[in-house]
Amino acid sequence: PSASATPPHPAFDTLLSPEQVKLVE
């Protein structure tokens, strides 16, 4: 099953730039 499932979503903080992560924090 792990081989055929959709790849996991990327971590939230990888979607944002370091500056944006700091703003959210």
mmCIF file of all heavy atoms, coordinates in Angstrom:
data_MODEL
# 
_entry.id   MODEL 
# 
loop_
_atom_site.group_PDB 
_atom_site.id 
_atom_site.type_symbol 
_atom_site.label_atom_id 
_atom_site.label_alt_id 
_atom_site.label_comp_id 
_atom_site.label_asym_id 
_atom_site.label_entity_id 
_atom_site.label_seq_id 
_atom_site.pdbx_PDB_ins_code 
_atom_site.Cartn_x 
_atom_site.Cartn_y 
_atom_site.Cartn_z 
_atom_site.occupancy 
_atom_site.B_iso_or_equiv 
_atom_site.pdbx_formal_charge 
_atom_site.auth_seq_id 
_atom_site.auth_comp_id 
_atom_site.auth_asym_id 
_atom_site.auth_atom_id 
_atom_site.pdbx_PDB_model_num 
ATOM 1   N N   . PRO A 1 1  ? 0.823  -1.235 0.000  1.00 0.00 ? 1  PRO A N   1 
ATOM 2   C CA  . PRO A 1 1  ? 0.000  0.000  0.000  1.00 0.00 ? 1  PRO A CA  1 
ATOM 3   C C   . PRO A 1 1  ? 0.839  1.258  0.000  1.00 0.00 ? 1  PRO A C   1 
ATOM 4   O O   . PRO A 1 1  ? 0.493  2.238  -0.636 1.00 0.00 ? 1  PRO A O   1 
ATOM 5   C CB  . PRO A 1 1  ? -0.824 -0.128 1.290  1.00 0.00 ? 1  PRO A CB  1 
ATOM 6   C CG  . PRO A 1 1  ? -0.814 -1.584 1.627  1.00 0.00 ? 1  PRO A CG  1 
ATOM 7   C CD  . PRO A 1 1  ? 0.489  -2.121 1.125  1.00 0.00 ? 1  PRO A CD  1 
ATOM 8   N N   . SER A 1 2  ? 1.918  1.222  0.725  1.00 0.00 ? 2  SER A N   1 
ATOM 9   C CA  . SER A 1 2  ? 2.727  2.428  0.795  1.00 0.00 ? 2  SER A CA  1 
ATOM 10  C C   . SER A 1 2  ? 3.356  2.765  -0.524 1.00 0.00 ? 2  SER A C   1 
ATOM 11  O O   . SER A 1 2  ? 3.634  3.916  -0.837 1.00 0.00 ? 2  SER A O   1 
ATOM 12  C CB  . SER A 1 2  ? 3.814  2.266  1.869  1.00 0.00 ? 2  SER A CB  1 
ATOM 13  O OG  . SER A 1 2  ? 4.675  1.199  1.505  1.00 0.00 ? 2  SER A OG  1 
ATOM 14  N N   . ALA A 1 3  ? 3.537  1.801  -1.315 1.00 0.00 ? 3  ALA A N   1 
ATOM 15  C CA  . ALA A 1 3  ? 4.151  2.061  -2.622 1.00 0.00 ? 3  ALA A CA  1 
ATOM 16  C C   . ALA A 1 3  ? 3.165  2.654  -3.601 1.00 0.00 ? 3  ALA A C   1 
ATOM 17  O O   . ALA A 1 3  ? 3.525  3.454  -4.463 1.00 0.00 ? 3  ALA A O   1 
ATOM 18  C CB  . ALA A 1 3  ? 4.738  0.767  -3.176 1.00 0.00 ? 3  ALA A CB  1 
ATOM 19  N N   . SER A 1 4  ? 1.857  2.278  -3.496 1.00 0.00 ? 4  SER A N   1 
ATOM 20  C CA  . SER A 1 4  ? 0.869  2.757  -4.471 1.00 0.00 ? 4  SER A CA  1 
ATOM 21  C C   . SER A 1 4  ? 0.139  4.013  -4.013 1.00 0.00 ? 4  SER A C   1 
ATOM 22  O O   . SER A 1 4  ? -0.554 4.636  -4.792 1.00 0.00 ? 4  SER A O   1 
ATOM 23  C CB  . SER A 1 4  ? -0.158 1.650  -4.751 1.00 0.00 ? 4  SER A CB  1 
ATOM 24  O OG  . SER A 1 4  ? -0.828 1.296  -3.548 1.00 0.00 ? 4  SER A OG  1 
ATOM 25  N N   . ALA A 1 5  ? 0.208  4.429  -2.692 1.00 0.00 ? 5  ALA A N   1 
ATOM 26  C CA  . ALA A 1 5  ? -0.522 5.603  -2.183 1.00 0.00 ? 5  ALA A CA  1 
ATOM 27  C C   . ALA A 1 5  ? 0.063  6.891  -2.738 1.00 0.00 ? 5  ALA A C   1 
ATOM 28  O O   . ALA A 1 5  ? 1.211  6.934  -3.179 1.00 0.00 ? 5  ALA A O   1 
ATOM 29  C CB  . ALA A 1 5  ? -0.475 5.620  -0.655 1.00 0.00 ? 5  ALA A CB  1 
ATOM 30  N N   . THR A 1 6  ? -0.823 7.992  -2.661 1.00 0.00 ? 6  THR A N   1 
ATOM 31  C CA  . THR A 1 6  ? -0.362 9.309  -3.099 1.00 0.00 ? 6  THR A CA  1 
ATOM 32  C C   . THR A 1 6  ? 0.782  9.762  -2.211 1.00 0.00 ? 6  THR A C   1 
ATOM 33  O O   . THR A 1 6  ? 0.723  9.592  -0.987 1.00 0.00 ? 6  THR A O   1 
ATOM 34  C CB  . THR A 1 6  ? -1.515 10.312 -3.006 1.00 0.00 ? 6  THR A CB  1 
ATOM 35  O OG1 . THR A 1 6  ? -2.602 9.827  -3.775 1.00 0.00 ? 6  THR A OG1 1 
ATOM 36  C CG2 . THR A 1 6  ? -1.082 11.681 -3.508 1.00 0.00 ? 6  THR A CG2 1 
ATOM 37  N N   . PRO A 1 7  ? 1.794  10.328 -2.775 1.00 0.00 ? 7  PRO A N   1 
ATOM 38  C CA  . PRO A 1 7  ? 2.918  10.795 -1.953 1.00 0.00 ? 7  PRO A CA  1 
ATOM 39  C C   . PRO A 1 7  ? 2.413  11.772 -0.890 1.00 0.00 ? 7  PRO A C   1 
ATOM 40  O O   . PRO A 1 7  ? 1.482  12.532 -1.125 1.00 0.00 ? 7  PRO A O   1 
ATOM 41  C CB  . PRO A 1 7  ? 3.834  11.490 -2.971 1.00 0.00 ? 7  PRO A CB  1 
ATOM 42  C CG  . PRO A 1 7  ? 3.474  10.881 -4.266 1.00 0.00 ? 7  PRO A CG  1 
ATOM 43  C CD  . PRO A 1 7  ? 2.029  10.553 -4.194 1.00 0.00 ? 7  PRO A CD  1 
ATOM 44  N N   . PRO A 1 8  ? 2.976  11.757 0.323  1.00 0.00 ? 8  PRO A N   1 
ATOM 45  C CA  . PRO A 1 8  ? 2.506  12.648 1.397  1.00 0.00 ? 8  PRO A CA  1 
ATOM 46  C C   . PRO A 1 8  ? 2.673  14.109 1.023  1.00 0.00 ? 8  PRO A C   1 
ATOM 47  O O   . PRO A 1 8  ? 3.562  14.470 0.263  1.00 0.00 ? 8  PRO A O   1 
ATOM 48  C CB  . PRO A 1 8  ? 3.400  12.261 2.587  1.00 0.00 ? 8  PRO A CB  1 
ATOM 49  C CG  . PRO A 1 8  ? 4.626  11.671 1.948  1.00 0.00 ? 8  PRO A CG  1 
ATOM 50  C CD  . PRO A 1 8  ? 4.145  10.959 0.719  1.00 0.00 ? 8  PRO A CD  1 
ATOM 51  N N   . HIS A 1 9  ? 1.714  14.995 1.611  1.00 0.00 ? 9  HIS A N   1 
ATOM 52  C CA  . HIS A 1 9  ? 1.808  16.436 1.372  1.00 0.00 ? 9  HIS A CA  1 
ATOM 53  C C   . HIS A 1 9  ? 3.091  16.972 1.967  1.00 0.00 ? 9  HIS A C   1 
ATOM 54  O O   . HIS A 1 9  ? 3.523  16.525 3.039  1.00 0.00 ? 9  HIS A O   1 
ATOM 55  C CB  . HIS A 1 9  ? 0.613  17.163 1.987  1.00 0.00 ? 9  HIS A CB  1 
ATOM 56  C CG  . HIS A 1 9  ? -0.682 16.853 1.315  1.00 0.00 ? 9  HIS A CG  1 
ATOM 57  N ND1 . HIS A 1 9  ? -0.973 17.243 0.037  1.00 0.00 ? 9  HIS A ND1 1 
ATOM 58  C CD2 . HIS A 1 9  ? -1.764 16.156 1.762  1.00 0.00 ? 9  HIS A CD2 1 
ATOM 59  C CE1 . HIS A 1 9  ? -2.180 16.830 -0.297 1.00 0.00 ? 9  HIS A CE1 1 
ATOM 60  N NE2 . HIS A 1 9  ? -2.684 16.153 0.740  1.00 0.00 ? 9  HIS A NE2 1 
ATOM 61  N N   . PRO A 1 10 ? 3.657  17.937 1.335  1.00 0.00 ? 10 PRO A N   1 
ATOM 62  C CA  . PRO A 1 10 ? 4.869  18.525 1.905  1.00 0.00 ? 10 PRO A CA  1 
ATOM 63  C C   . PRO A 1 10 ? 4.548  19.263 3.198  1.00 0.00 ? 10 PRO A C   1 
ATOM 64  O O   . PRO A 1 10 ? 3.433  19.729 3.404  1.00 0.00 ? 10 PRO A O   1 
ATOM 65  C CB  . PRO A 1 10 ? 5.337  19.496 0.816  1.00 0.00 ? 10 PRO A CB  1 
ATOM 66  C CG  . PRO A 1 10 ? 4.115  19.804 0.029  1.00 0.00 ? 10 PRO A CG  1 
ATOM 67  C CD  . PRO A 1 10 ? 3.293  18.545 0.059  1.00 0.00 ? 10 PRO A CD  1 
ATOM 68  N N   . ALA A 1 11 ? 5.494  19.351 4.067  1.00 0.00 ? 11 ALA A N   1 
ATOM 69  C CA  . ALA A 1 11 ? 5.320  20.072 5.330  1.00 0.00 ? 11 ALA A CA  1 
ATOM 70  C C   . ALA A 1 11 ? 4.926  21.521 5.056  1.00 0.00 ? 11 ALA A C   1 
ATOM 71  O O   . ALA A 1 11 ? 5.375  22.127 4.074  1.00 0.00 ? 11 ALA A O   1 
ATOM 72  C CB  . ALA A 1 11 ? 6.604  20.017 6.152  1.00 0.00 ? 11 ALA A CB  1 
ATOM 73  N N   . PHE A 1 12 ? 4.052  22.070 5.984  1.00 0.00 ? 12 PHE A N   1 
ATOM 74  C CA  . PHE A 1 12 ? 3.536  23.421 5.771  1.00 0.00 ? 12 PHE A CA  1 
ATOM 75  C C   . PHE A 1 12 ? 4.653  24.444 5.623  1.00 0.00 ? 12 PHE A C   1 
ATOM 76  O O   . PHE A 1 12 ? 4.594  25.332 4.779  1.00 0.00 ? 12 PHE A O   1 
ATOM 77  C CB  . PHE A 1 12 ? 2.619  23.808 6.950  1.00 0.00 ? 12 PHE A CB  1 
ATOM 78  C CG  . PHE A 1 12 ? 2.060  25.191 6.863  1.00 0.00 ? 12 PHE A CG  1 
ATOM 79  C CD1 . PHE A 1 12 ? 1.065  25.502 5.941  1.00 0.00 ? 12 PHE A CD1 1 
ATOM 80  C CD2 . PHE A 1 12 ? 2.530  26.197 7.692  1.00 0.00 ? 12 PHE A CD2 1 
ATOM 81  C CE1 . PHE A 1 12 ? 0.549  26.779 5.863  1.00 0.00 ? 12 PHE A CE1 1 
ATOM 82  C CE2 . PHE A 1 12 ? 2.024  27.474 7.612  1.00 0.00 ? 12 PHE A CE2 1 
ATOM 83  C CZ  . PHE A 1 12 ? 1.030  27.760 6.699  1.00 0.00 ? 12 PHE A CZ  1 
ATOM 84  N N   . ASP A 1 13 ? 5.696  24.287 6.470  1.00 0.00 ? 13 ASP A N   1 
ATOM 85  C CA  . ASP A 1 13 ? 6.742  25.310 6.443  1.00 0.00 ? 13 ASP A CA  1 
ATOM 86  C C   . ASP A 1 13 ? 7.579  25.273 5.174  1.00 0.00 ? 13 ASP A C   1 
ATOM 87  O O   . ASP A 1 13 ? 8.305  26.212 4.870  1.00 0.00 ? 13 ASP A O   1 
ATOM 88  C CB  . ASP A 1 13 ? 7.632  25.210 7.680  1.00 0.00 ? 13 ASP A CB  1 
ATOM 89  C CG  . ASP A 1 13 ? 8.247  23.821 7.838  1.00 0.00 ? 13 ASP A CG  1 
ATOM 90  O OD1 . ASP A 1 13 ? 8.031  22.978 6.954  1.00 0.00 ? 13 ASP A OD1 1 
ATOM 91  O OD2 . ASP A 1 13 ? 8.941  23.600 8.864  1.00 0.00 ? 13 ASP A OD2 1 
ATOM 92  N N   . THR A 1 14 ? 7.475  24.134 4.393  1.00 0.00 ? 14 THR A N   1 
ATOM 93  C CA  . THR A 1 14 ? 8.215  24.106 3.131  1.00 0.00 ? 14 THR A CA  1 
ATOM 94  C C   . THR A 1 14 ? 7.515  24.889 2.035  1.00 0.00 ? 14 THR A C   1 
ATOM 95  O O   . THR A 1 14 ? 8.096  25.159 0.992  1.00 0.00 ? 14 THR A O   1 
ATOM 96  C CB  . THR A 1 14 ? 8.419  22.649 2.668  1.00 0.00 ? 14 THR A CB  1 
ATOM 97  O OG1 . THR A 1 14 ? 7.136  22.075 2.385  1.00 0.00 ? 14 THR A OG1 1 
ATOM 98  C CG2 . THR A 1 14 ? 9.134  21.835 3.736  1.00 0.00 ? 14 THR A CG2 1 
ATOM 99  N N   . LEU A 1 15 ? 6.227  25.213 2.264  1.00 0.00 ? 15 LEU A N   1 
ATOM 100 C CA  . LEU A 1 15 ? 5.484  25.989 1.273  1.00 0.00 ? 15 LEU A CA  1 
ATOM 101 C C   . LEU A 1 15 ? 5.769  27.484 1.383  1.00 0.00 ? 15 LEU A C   1 
ATOM 102 O O   . LEU A 1 15 ? 5.391  28.255 0.513  1.00 0.00 ? 15 LEU A O   1 
ATOM 103 C CB  . LEU A 1 15 ? 3.977  25.758 1.448  1.00 0.00 ? 15 LEU A CB  1 
ATOM 104 C CG  . LEU A 1 15 ? 3.478  24.324 1.234  1.00 0.00 ? 15 LEU A CG  1 
ATOM 105 C CD1 . LEU A 1 15 ? 1.992  24.251 1.536  1.00 0.00 ? 15 LEU A CD1 1 
ATOM 106 C CD2 . LEU A 1 15 ? 3.757  23.855 -0.189 1.00 0.00 ? 15 LEU A CD2 1 
ATOM 107 N N   . LEU A 1 16 ? 6.343  27.902 2.499  1.00 0.00 ? 16 LEU A N   1 
ATOM 108 C CA  . LEU A 1 16 ? 6.574  29.313 2.764  1.00 0.00 ? 16 LEU A CA  1 
ATOM 109 C C   . LEU A 1 16 ? 8.058  29.610 2.798  1.00 0.00 ? 16 LEU A C   1 
ATOM 110 O O   . LEU A 1 16 ? 8.879  28.733 3.121  1.00 0.00 ? 16 LEU A O   1 
ATOM 111 C CB  . LEU A 1 16 ? 5.954  29.708 4.117  1.00 0.00 ? 16 LEU A CB  1 
ATOM 112 C CG  . LEU A 1 16 ? 4.465  29.418 4.299  1.00 0.00 ? 16 LEU A CG  1 
ATOM 113 C CD1 . LEU A 1 16 ? 4.045  29.753 5.722  1.00 0.00 ? 16 LEU A CD1 1 
ATOM 114 C CD2 . LEU A 1 16 ? 3.634  30.204 3.306  1.00 0.00 ? 16 LEU A CD2 1 
ATOM 115 N N   . SER A 1 17 ? 8.351  30.831 2.489  1.00 0.00 ? 17 SER A N   1 
ATOM 116 C CA  . SER A 1 17 ? 9.730  31.274 2.613  1.00 0.00 ? 17 SER A CA  1 
ATOM 117 C C   . SER A 1 17 ? 10.063 31.437 4.091  1.00 0.00 ? 17 SER A C   1 
ATOM 118 O O   . SER A 1 17 ? 9.165  31.529 4.934  1.00 0.00 ? 17 SER A O   1 
ATOM 119 C CB  . SER A 1 17 ? 9.913  32.615 1.894  1.00 0.00 ? 17 SER A CB  1 
ATOM 120 O OG  . SER A 1 17 ? 9.196  33.624 2.577  1.00 0.00 ? 17 SER A OG  1 
ATOM 121 N N   . PRO A 1 18 ? 11.317 31.477 4.444  1.00 0.00 ? 18 PRO A N   1 
ATOM 122 C CA  . PRO A 1 18 ? 11.670 31.681 5.859  1.00 0.00 ? 18 PRO A CA  1 
ATOM 123 C C   . PRO A 1 18 ? 11.050 32.949 6.446  1.00 0.00 ? 18 PRO A C   1 
ATOM 124 O O   . PRO A 1 18 ? 10.638 32.963 7.600  1.00 0.00 ? 18 PRO A O   1 
ATOM 125 C CB  . PRO A 1 18 ? 13.204 31.769 5.820  1.00 0.00 ? 18 PRO A CB  1 
ATOM 126 C CG  . PRO A 1 18 ? 13.578 30.980 4.615  1.00 0.00 ? 18 PRO A CG  1 
ATOM 127 C CD  . PRO A 1 18 ? 12.499 31.217 3.615  1.00 0.00 ? 18 PRO A CD  1 
ATOM 128 N N   . GLU A 1 19 ? 10.976 34.004 5.642  1.00 0.00 ? 19 GLU A N   1 
ATOM 129 C CA  . GLU A 1 19 ? 10.371 35.239 6.130  1.00 0.00 ? 19 GLU A CA  1 
ATOM 130 C C   . GLU A 1 19 ? 8.885  35.037 6.428  1.00 0.00 ? 19 GLU A C   1 
ATOM 131 O O   . GLU A 1 19 ? 8.352  35.525 7.431  1.00 0.00 ? 19 GLU A O   1 
ATOM 132 C CB  . GLU A 1 19 ? 10.548 36.364 5.111  1.00 0.00 ? 19 GLU A CB  1 
ATOM 133 C CG  . GLU A 1 19 ? 11.988 36.822 4.915  1.00 0.00 ? 19 GLU A CG  1 
ATOM 134 C CD  . GLU A 1 19 ? 12.778 35.878 4.019  1.00 0.00 ? 19 GLU A CD  1 
ATOM 135 O OE1 . GLU A 1 19 ? 12.155 34.945 3.433  1.00 0.00 ? 19 GLU A OE1 1 
ATOM 136 O OE2 . GLU A 1 19 ? 14.002 36.042 3.935  1.00 0.00 ? 19 GLU A OE2 1 
ATOM 137 N N   . GLN A 1 20 ? 8.189  34.293 5.537  1.00 0.00 ? 20 GLN A N   1 
ATOM 138 C CA  . GLN A 1 20 ? 6.767  34.045 5.743  1.00 0.00 ? 20 GLN A CA  1 
ATOM 139 C C   . GLN A 1 20 ? 6.521  33.153 6.958  1.00 0.00 ? 20 GLN A C   1 
ATOM 140 O O   . GLN A 1 20 ? 5.564  33.345 7.710  1.00 0.00 ? 20 GLN A O   1 
ATOM 141 C CB  . GLN A 1 20 ? 6.159  33.426 4.492  1.00 0.00 ? 20 GLN A CB  1 
ATOM 142 C CG  . GLN A 1 20 ? 6.088  34.381 3.305  1.00 0.00 ? 20 GLN A CG  1 
ATOM 143 C CD  . GLN A 1 20 ? 5.670  33.694 2.030  1.00 0.00 ? 20 GLN A CD  1 
ATOM 144 O OE1 . GLN A 1 20 ? 6.039  32.536 1.784  1.00 0.00 ? 20 GLN A OE1 1 
ATOM 145 N NE2 . GLN A 1 20 ? 4.899  34.388 1.205  1.00 0.00 ? 20 GLN A NE2 1 
ATOM 146 N N   . VAL A 1 21 ? 7.377  32.180 7.151  1.00 0.00 ? 21 VAL A N   1 
ATOM 147 C CA  . VAL A 1 21 ? 7.255  31.321 8.329  1.00 0.00 ? 21 VAL A CA  1 
ATOM 148 C C   . VAL A 1 21 ? 7.377  32.151 9.599  1.00 0.00 ? 21 VAL A C   1 
ATOM 149 O O   . VAL A 1 21 ? 6.616  31.989 10.560 1.00 0.00 ? 21 VAL A O   1 
ATOM 150 C CB  . VAL A 1 21 ? 8.323  30.212 8.302  1.00 0.00 ? 21 VAL A CB  1 
ATOM 151 C CG1 . VAL A 1 21 ? 8.345  29.459 9.640  1.00 0.00 ? 21 VAL A CG1 1 
ATOM 152 C CG2 . VAL A 1 21 ? 8.058  29.249 7.166  1.00 0.00 ? 21 VAL A CG2 1 
ATOM 153 N N   . LYS A 1 22 ? 8.334  33.068 9.589  1.00 0.00 ? 22 LYS A N   1 
ATOM 154 C CA  . LYS A 1 22 ? 8.524  33.928 10.762 1.00 0.00 ? 22 LYS A CA  1 
ATOM 155 C C   . LYS A 1 22 ? 7.296  34.797 11.012 1.00 0.00 ? 22 LYS A C   1 
ATOM 156 O O   . LYS A 1 22 ? 6.879  35.012 12.156 1.00 0.00 ? 22 LYS A O   1 
ATOM 157 C CB  . LYS A 1 22 ? 9.769  34.799 10.569 1.00 0.00 ? 22 LYS A CB  1 
ATOM 158 C CG  . LYS A 1 22 ? 10.109 35.661 11.787 1.00 0.00 ? 22 LYS A CG  1 
ATOM 159 C CD  . LYS A 1 22 ? 11.413 36.379 11.588 1.00 0.00 ? 22 LYS A CD  1 
ATOM 160 C CE  . LYS A 1 22 ? 11.725 37.262 12.798 1.00 0.00 ? 22 LYS A CE  1 
ATOM 161 N NZ  . LYS A 1 22 ? 11.814 36.484 14.045 1.00 0.00 ? 22 LYS A NZ  1 
ATOM 162 N N   . LEU A 1 23 ? 6.688  35.307 9.915  1.00 0.00 ? 23 LEU A N   1 
ATOM 163 C CA  . LEU A 1 23 ? 5.482  36.119 10.063 1.00 0.00 ? 23 LEU A CA  1 
ATOM 164 C C   . LEU A 1 23 ? 4.352  35.307 10.692 1.00 0.00 ? 23 LEU A C   1 
ATOM 165 O O   . LEU A 1 23 ? 3.643  35.794 11.577 1.00 0.00 ? 23 LEU A O   1 
ATOM 166 C CB  . LEU A 1 23 ? 5.046  36.669 8.705  1.00 0.00 ? 23 LEU A CB  1 
ATOM 167 C CG  . LEU A 1 23 ? 5.917  37.745 8.067  1.00 0.00 ? 23 LEU A CG  1 
ATOM 168 C CD1 . LEU A 1 23 ? 5.375  38.120 6.692  1.00 0.00 ? 23 LEU A CD1 1 
ATOM 169 C CD2 . LEU A 1 23 ? 5.969  38.985 8.952  1.00 0.00 ? 23 LEU A CD2 1 
ATOM 170 N N   . VAL A 1 24 ? 4.157  34.081 10.223 1.00 0.00 ? 24 VAL A N   1 
ATOM 171 C CA  . VAL A 1 24 ? 3.098  33.228 10.760 1.00 0.00 ? 24 VAL A CA  1 
ATOM 172 C C   . VAL A 1 24 ? 3.352  32.924 12.229 1.00 0.00 ? 24 VAL A C   1 
ATOM 173 O O   . VAL A 1 24 ? 2.435  32.949 13.062 1.00 0.00 ? 24 VAL A O   1 
ATOM 174 C CB  . VAL A 1 24 ? 2.977  31.936 9.939  1.00 0.00 ? 24 VAL A CB  1 
ATOM 175 C CG1 . VAL A 1 24 ? 2.018  30.959 10.610 1.00 0.00 ? 24 VAL A CG1 1 
ATOM 176 C CG2 . VAL A 1 24 ? 2.497  32.239 8.532  1.00 0.00 ? 24 VAL A CG2 1 
ATOM 177 N N   . GLU A 1 25 ? 4.601  32.633 12.568 1.00 0.00 ? 25 GLU A N   1 
ATOM 178 C CA  . GLU A 1 25 ? 4.927  32.348 13.962 1.00 0.00 ? 25 GLU A CA  1 
ATOM 179 C C   . GLU A 1 25 ? 4.657  33.561 14.851 1.00 0.00 ? 25 GLU A C   1 
ATOM 180 O O   . GLU A 1 25 ? 4.113  33.439 15.951 1.00 0.00 ? 25 GLU A O   1 
ATOM 181 C CB  . GLU A 1 25 ? 6.392  31.920 14.069 1.00 0.00 ? 25 GLU A CB  1 
ATOM 182 C CG  . GLU A 1 25 ? 6.677  30.555 13.451 1.00 0.00 ? 25 GLU A CG  1 
ATOM 183 C CD  . GLU A 1 25 ? 8.167  30.227 13.453 1.00 0.00 ? 25 GLU A CD  1 
ATOM 184 O OE1 . GLU A 1 25 ? 8.977  31.150 13.702 1.00 0.00 ? 25 GLU A OE1 1 
ATOM 185 O OE2 . GLU A 1 25 ? 8.515  29.056 13.202 1.00 0.00 ? 25 GLU A OE2 1 
# 
